[in-house]
Amino acid sequence: MNLSPRLATIFRENGYESVHWIEVGSSTVCDKDIIRWAGENGWIIITNDLDFGAILALEGFHLPSVIQIRRLGLFPDAVFPILDRVIKQFANELESGAIVVIDEKRMRVRLLPLA
């Protein structure tokens, strides 16, 4: 729940089905429960929280896919075009189960489960 709810709104305005966690669950739920919920409901998690990648690796999850933003400037209007490009470029990988890490200089994709 570390990114602005405005980002979910921008996704919806651009034709994506999107929710922010505060629209569907408690702010006190643990990250592992968010991962389970997203996997069971077919959602991709977009976050800048490093815990999600660690949980995916430790638990051996195949889904959900996670897009992890590791960059400065997380303003929704600035981040959306990057995320839109990533979702389109890596659609097949995200559908199958992957973690995409975006930083200031590059994007990396690793298929799930992480070894």
N, C-alpha and C. Protein backbone atom coordinates (compact mmCIF):
# COMPACT_ATOMS: atom_id res chain seq x y z
N MET A 1 0.82 -1.19 0.00
CA MET A 1 0.00 0.00 0.00
C MET A 1 0.86 1.24 0.00
N ASN A 2 2.07 1.12 -0.50
CA ASN A 2 3.02 2.21 -0.40
C ASN A 2 2.98 3.20 -1.56
N LEU A 3 2.23 2.91 -2.59
CA LEU A 3 2.09 3.85 -3.70
C LEU A 3 0.75 4.57 -3.56
N SER A 4 0.67 5.73 -4.15
CA SER A 4 -0.53 6.56 -4.04
C SER A 4 -1.76 5.88 -4.67
N PRO A 5 -2.91 5.99 -4.01
CA PRO A 5 -4.15 5.50 -4.62
C PRO A 5 -4.45 6.19 -5.96
N ARG A 6 -3.91 7.36 -6.15
CA ARG A 6 -4.08 8.08 -7.43
C ARG A 6 -3.57 7.26 -8.60
N LEU A 7 -2.55 6.43 -8.38
CA LEU A 7 -2.01 5.60 -9.46
C LEU A 7 -3.07 4.63 -9.98
N ALA A 8 -3.84 4.02 -9.08
CA ALA A 8 -4.92 3.12 -9.50
C ALA A 8 -5.96 3.88 -10.33
N THR A 9 -6.24 5.11 -9.93
CA THR A 9 -7.19 5.93 -10.69
C THR A 9 -6.67 6.21 -12.09
N ILE A 10 -5.40 6.54 -12.21
CA ILE A 10 -4.81 6.80 -13.53
C ILE A 10 -4.87 5.55 -14.39
N PHE A 11 -4.59 4.40 -13.81
CA PHE A 11 -4.71 3.15 -14.57
C PHE A 11 -6.13 2.98 -15.10
N ARG A 12 -7.14 3.18 -14.24
CA ARG A 12 -8.53 3.04 -14.67
C ARG A 12 -8.88 4.04 -15.77
N GLU A 13 -8.39 5.28 -15.64
CA GLU A 13 -8.64 6.30 -16.66
C GLU A 13 -8.04 5.93 -18.00
N ASN A 14 -7.05 5.04 -17.98
CA ASN A 14 -6.38 4.61 -19.21
C ASN A 14 -6.79 3.21 -19.64
N GLY A 15 -7.93 2.75 -19.14
CA GLY A 15 -8.52 1.51 -19.62
C GLY A 15 -8.11 0.23 -18.91
N TYR A 16 -7.34 0.34 -17.86
CA TYR A 16 -6.92 -0.84 -17.09
C TYR A 16 -7.93 -1.11 -15.97
N GLU A 17 -8.09 -2.37 -15.62
CA GLU A 17 -8.80 -2.72 -14.40
C GLU A 17 -7.77 -2.58 -13.28
N SER A 18 -8.07 -1.79 -12.28
CA SER A 18 -7.06 -1.47 -11.28
C SER A 18 -7.71 -1.14 -9.95
N VAL A 19 -7.07 -1.58 -8.86
CA VAL A 19 -7.49 -1.20 -7.52
C VAL A 19 -6.25 -0.91 -6.69
N HIS A 20 -6.42 -0.07 -5.71
CA HIS A 20 -5.39 0.13 -4.71
C HIS A 20 -5.79 -0.74 -3.52
N TRP A 21 -4.82 -1.28 -2.81
CA TRP A 21 -5.13 -2.20 -1.72
C TRP A 21 -6.13 -1.60 -0.73
N ILE A 22 -6.07 -0.30 -0.46
CA ILE A 22 -6.99 0.28 0.52
C ILE A 22 -8.45 0.20 0.06
N GLU A 23 -8.68 -0.09 -1.22
CA GLU A 23 -10.04 -0.25 -1.73
C GLU A 23 -10.59 -1.65 -1.46
N VAL A 24 -9.71 -2.60 -1.15
CA VAL A 24 -10.16 -4.00 -1.02
C VAL A 24 -9.78 -4.66 0.29
N GLY A 25 -8.82 -4.09 1.03
CA GLY A 25 -8.37 -4.76 2.24
C GLY A 25 -7.88 -3.79 3.29
N SER A 26 -7.53 -4.37 4.41
CA SER A 26 -7.07 -3.61 5.57
C SER A 26 -5.63 -3.14 5.40
N SER A 27 -5.33 -1.98 5.92
CA SER A 27 -3.96 -1.47 5.86
C SER A 27 -3.04 -2.22 6.81
N THR A 28 -3.59 -3.05 7.68
CA THR A 28 -2.77 -3.79 8.64
C THR A 28 -2.46 -5.21 8.19
N VAL A 29 -2.97 -5.63 7.04
CA VAL A 29 -2.72 -7.00 6.56
C VAL A 29 -1.25 -7.15 6.18
N CYS A 30 -0.72 -8.35 6.35
CA CYS A 30 0.69 -8.57 6.02
C CYS A 30 0.88 -8.74 4.51
N ASP A 31 2.09 -8.48 4.05
CA ASP A 31 2.40 -8.56 2.62
C ASP A 31 2.10 -9.94 2.04
N LYS A 32 2.36 -10.98 2.80
CA LYS A 32 2.11 -12.34 2.32
C LYS A 32 0.62 -12.56 2.01
N ASP A 33 -0.25 -11.98 2.82
CA ASP A 33 -1.69 -12.09 2.56
C ASP A 33 -2.09 -11.30 1.31
N ILE A 34 -1.44 -10.17 1.08
CA ILE A 34 -1.71 -9.40 -0.14
C ILE A 34 -1.28 -10.22 -1.35
N ILE A 35 -0.14 -10.87 -1.26
CA ILE A 35 0.35 -11.72 -2.35
C ILE A 35 -0.64 -12.85 -2.62
N ARG A 36 -1.09 -13.51 -1.58
CA ARG A 36 -2.07 -14.60 -1.76
C ARG A 36 -3.34 -14.08 -2.43
N TRP A 37 -3.86 -12.95 -1.93
CA TRP A 37 -5.09 -12.39 -2.49
C TRP A 37 -4.90 -12.05 -3.97
N ALA A 38 -3.80 -11.39 -4.30
CA ALA A 38 -3.55 -11.01 -5.69
C ALA A 38 -3.44 -12.24 -6.58
N GLY A 39 -2.74 -13.26 -6.12
CA GLY A 39 -2.60 -14.49 -6.90
C GLY A 39 -3.93 -15.18 -7.12
N GLU A 40 -4.75 -15.25 -6.10
CA GLU A 40 -6.06 -15.91 -6.20
C GLU A 40 -7.03 -15.13 -7.06
N ASN A 41 -6.84 -13.83 -7.18
CA ASN A 41 -7.78 -12.98 -7.91
C ASN A 41 -7.25 -12.46 -9.24
N GLY A 42 -6.07 -12.90 -9.64
CA GLY A 42 -5.54 -12.55 -10.95
C GLY A 42 -5.00 -11.15 -11.09
N TRP A 43 -4.51 -10.56 -10.00
CA TRP A 43 -3.98 -9.21 -10.05
C TRP A 43 -2.46 -9.21 -10.13
N ILE A 44 -1.91 -8.15 -10.67
CA ILE A 44 -0.48 -7.87 -10.63
C ILE A 44 -0.27 -6.85 -9.52
N ILE A 45 0.74 -7.07 -8.70
CA ILE A 45 1.07 -6.12 -7.64
C ILE A 45 2.10 -5.13 -8.16
N ILE A 46 1.83 -3.86 -7.95
CA ILE A 46 2.79 -2.80 -8.28
C ILE A 46 3.18 -2.16 -6.96
N THR A 47 4.47 -2.12 -6.68
CA THR A 47 4.93 -1.70 -5.36
C THR A 47 6.33 -1.11 -5.44
N ASN A 48 6.73 -0.42 -4.40
CA ASN A 48 8.14 -0.09 -4.24
C ASN A 48 8.68 -0.72 -2.96
N ASP A 49 7.92 -1.63 -2.40
CA ASP A 49 8.28 -2.38 -1.20
C ASP A 49 9.12 -3.59 -1.58
N LEU A 50 10.33 -3.67 -1.06
CA LEU A 50 11.24 -4.76 -1.40
C LEU A 50 10.82 -6.10 -0.81
N ASP A 51 9.94 -6.08 0.18
CA ASP A 51 9.51 -7.33 0.82
C ASP A 51 8.80 -8.27 -0.13
N PHE A 52 8.11 -7.76 -1.12
CA PHE A 52 7.35 -8.63 -2.01
C PHE A 52 8.26 -9.58 -2.78
N GLY A 53 9.36 -9.08 -3.29
CA GLY A 53 10.31 -9.94 -4.00
C GLY A 53 10.90 -11.00 -3.08
N ALA A 54 11.20 -10.61 -1.86
CA ALA A 54 11.76 -11.56 -0.89
C ALA A 54 10.74 -12.65 -0.56
N ILE A 55 9.49 -12.27 -0.37
CA ILE A 55 8.45 -13.26 -0.07
C ILE A 55 8.26 -14.21 -1.25
N LEU A 56 8.23 -13.67 -2.46
CA LEU A 56 8.10 -14.54 -3.65
C LEU A 56 9.22 -15.56 -3.70
N ALA A 57 10.43 -15.13 -3.41
CA ALA A 57 11.58 -16.03 -3.45
C ALA A 57 11.50 -17.08 -2.35
N LEU A 58 11.22 -16.67 -1.14
CA LEU A 58 11.18 -17.59 -0.01
C LEU A 58 10.05 -18.61 -0.10
N GLU A 59 8.91 -18.17 -0.59
CA GLU A 59 7.72 -19.03 -0.61
C GLU A 59 7.57 -19.82 -1.91
N GLY A 60 8.33 -19.47 -2.93
CA GLY A 60 8.26 -20.18 -4.20
C GLY A 60 6.96 -19.97 -4.97
N PHE A 61 6.33 -18.81 -4.78
CA PHE A 61 5.08 -18.52 -5.48
C PHE A 61 5.30 -18.48 -7.00
N HIS A 62 4.30 -18.94 -7.75
CA HIS A 62 4.30 -18.84 -9.22
C HIS A 62 3.52 -17.61 -9.68
N LEU A 63 2.60 -17.17 -8.87
CA LEU A 63 1.80 -15.98 -9.09
C LEU A 63 1.56 -15.35 -7.73
N PRO A 64 1.31 -14.09 -7.65
CA PRO A 64 1.07 -13.13 -8.71
C PRO A 64 2.37 -12.54 -9.24
N SER A 65 2.26 -11.90 -10.36
CA SER A 65 3.40 -11.13 -10.85
C SER A 65 3.51 -9.85 -10.02
N VAL A 66 4.73 -9.36 -9.91
CA VAL A 66 4.99 -8.14 -9.15
C VAL A 66 5.84 -7.21 -10.01
N ILE A 67 5.44 -5.96 -10.06
CA ILE A 67 6.27 -4.92 -10.66
C ILE A 67 6.77 -4.07 -9.50
N GLN A 68 8.08 -4.07 -9.35
CA GLN A 68 8.71 -3.37 -8.23
C GLN A 68 9.42 -2.13 -8.76
N ILE A 69 9.04 -0.98 -8.24
CA ILE A 69 9.62 0.28 -8.68
C ILE A 69 10.69 0.69 -7.67
N ARG A 70 11.91 0.73 -8.13
CA ARG A 70 13.02 1.14 -7.27
C ARG A 70 13.65 2.39 -7.87
N ARG A 71 12.96 3.48 -7.74
CA ARG A 71 13.43 4.73 -8.32
C ARG A 71 12.92 5.89 -7.50
N LEU A 72 13.55 7.01 -7.69
CA LEU A 72 13.10 8.23 -7.05
C LEU A 72 11.92 8.79 -7.84
N GLY A 73 11.15 9.59 -7.22
CA GLY A 73 10.06 10.23 -7.95
C GLY A 73 8.93 9.28 -8.25
N LEU A 74 8.12 8.96 -7.26
CA LEU A 74 7.02 8.01 -7.43
C LEU A 74 5.69 8.72 -7.67
N PHE A 75 5.75 9.93 -8.19
CA PHE A 75 4.53 10.66 -8.48
C PHE A 75 3.73 9.89 -9.52
N PRO A 76 2.44 9.63 -9.26
CA PRO A 76 1.64 8.79 -10.16
C PRO A 76 1.67 9.22 -11.61
N ASP A 77 1.55 10.50 -11.88
CA ASP A 77 1.53 10.96 -13.27
C ASP A 77 2.86 10.72 -13.98
N ALA A 78 3.95 10.70 -13.23
CA ALA A 78 5.27 10.44 -13.82
C ALA A 78 5.56 8.95 -13.95
N VAL A 79 5.04 8.16 -13.03
CA VAL A 79 5.31 6.72 -13.02
C VAL A 79 4.42 5.95 -13.99
N PHE A 80 3.19 6.43 -14.20
CA PHE A 80 2.27 5.68 -15.04
C PHE A 80 2.82 5.36 -16.44
N PRO A 81 3.38 6.33 -17.19
CA PRO A 81 3.86 5.99 -18.53
C PRO A 81 4.92 4.88 -18.53
N ILE A 82 5.75 4.85 -17.51
CA ILE A 82 6.77 3.80 -17.40
C ILE A 82 6.09 2.46 -17.14
N LEU A 83 5.14 2.44 -16.23
CA LEU A 83 4.43 1.20 -15.91
C LEU A 83 3.62 0.70 -17.10
N ASP A 84 2.98 1.61 -17.81
CA ASP A 84 2.21 1.25 -19.00
C ASP A 84 3.12 0.56 -20.02
N ARG A 85 4.29 1.12 -20.23
CA ARG A 85 5.24 0.53 -21.18
C ARG A 85 5.70 -0.85 -20.71
N VAL A 86 5.98 -0.98 -19.42
CA VAL A 86 6.43 -2.27 -18.86
C VAL A 86 5.34 -3.32 -19.01
N ILE A 87 4.11 -2.97 -18.68
CA ILE A 87 3.01 -3.93 -18.78
C ILE A 87 2.83 -4.40 -20.22
N LYS A 88 2.93 -3.50 -21.16
CA LYS A 88 2.78 -3.89 -22.57
C LYS A 88 3.99 -4.69 -23.06
N GLN A 89 5.18 -4.27 -22.70
CA GLN A 89 6.41 -4.93 -23.16
C GLN A 89 6.54 -6.34 -22.59
N PHE A 90 6.13 -6.53 -21.34
CA PHE A 90 6.32 -7.82 -20.67
C PHE A 90 4.99 -8.51 -20.38
N ALA A 91 4.00 -8.31 -21.22
CA ALA A 91 2.67 -8.88 -21.00
C ALA A 91 2.70 -10.39 -20.84
N ASN A 92 3.43 -11.08 -21.69
CA ASN A 92 3.48 -12.54 -21.61
C ASN A 92 4.11 -13.01 -20.31
N GLU A 93 5.20 -12.39 -19.93
CA GLU A 93 5.88 -12.77 -18.69
C GLU A 93 4.99 -12.49 -17.48
N LEU A 94 4.34 -11.35 -17.47
CA LEU A 94 3.46 -10.99 -16.36
C LEU A 94 2.27 -11.93 -16.27
N GLU A 95 1.78 -12.37 -17.40
CA GLU A 95 0.67 -13.33 -17.42
C GLU A 95 1.08 -14.67 -16.83
N SER A 96 2.30 -15.09 -17.11
CA SER A 96 2.80 -16.39 -16.65
C SER A 96 3.29 -16.36 -15.21
N GLY A 97 3.73 -15.22 -14.74
CA GLY A 97 4.28 -15.08 -13.40
C GLY A 97 5.71 -14.58 -13.47
N ALA A 98 5.92 -13.34 -13.06
CA ALA A 98 7.25 -12.74 -13.14
C ALA A 98 7.36 -11.61 -12.13
N ILE A 99 8.59 -11.24 -11.87
CA ILE A 99 8.85 -10.01 -11.13
C ILE A 99 9.64 -9.11 -12.07
N VAL A 100 9.16 -7.89 -12.22
CA VAL A 100 9.83 -6.88 -13.05
C VAL A 100 10.31 -5.80 -12.09
N VAL A 101 11.60 -5.54 -12.12
CA VAL A 101 12.19 -4.51 -11.27
C VAL A 101 12.59 -3.34 -12.16
N ILE A 102 12.09 -2.17 -11.80
CA ILE A 102 12.38 -0.95 -12.55
C ILE A 102 13.20 -0.05 -11.65
N ASP A 103 14.39 0.33 -12.13
CA ASP A 103 15.16 1.32 -11.38
C ASP A 103 15.46 2.49 -12.30
N GLU A 104 16.32 3.37 -11.87
CA GLU A 104 16.60 4.59 -12.63
C GLU A 104 17.23 4.32 -13.99
N LYS A 105 17.95 3.20 -14.13
CA LYS A 105 18.71 2.95 -15.35
C LYS A 105 18.19 1.82 -16.22
N ARG A 106 17.44 0.87 -15.63
CA ARG A 106 17.05 -0.29 -16.43
C ARG A 106 15.85 -1.00 -15.84
N MET A 107 15.39 -2.01 -16.60
CA MET A 107 14.33 -2.90 -16.15
C MET A 107 14.87 -4.32 -16.21
N ARG A 108 14.54 -5.11 -15.19
CA ARG A 108 14.95 -6.51 -15.17
C ARG A 108 13.72 -7.38 -14.97
N VAL A 109 13.69 -8.51 -15.64
CA VAL A 109 12.57 -9.44 -15.53
C VAL A 109 13.09 -10.80 -15.09
N ARG A 110 12.44 -11.37 -14.09
CA ARG A 110 12.75 -12.74 -13.67
C ARG A 110 11.44 -13.49 -13.59
N LEU A 111 11.43 -14.67 -14.19
CA LEU A 111 10.23 -15.49 -14.16
C LEU A 111 10.08 -16.15 -12.79
N LEU A 112 8.85 -16.37 -12.40
CA LEU A 112 8.55 -17.05 -11.15
C LEU A 112 8.39 -18.55 -11.40
N PRO A 113 8.70 -19.39 -10.44
CA PRO A 113 9.17 -19.04 -9.11
C PRO A 113 10.64 -18.65 -9.14
N LEU A 114 11.02 -17.79 -8.21
CA LEU A 114 12.42 -17.36 -8.11
C LEU A 114 13.22 -18.46 -7.45
N ALA A 115 14.41 -18.68 -7.96
CA ALA A 115 15.27 -19.72 -7.38
C ALA A 115 16.29 -19.12 -6.46
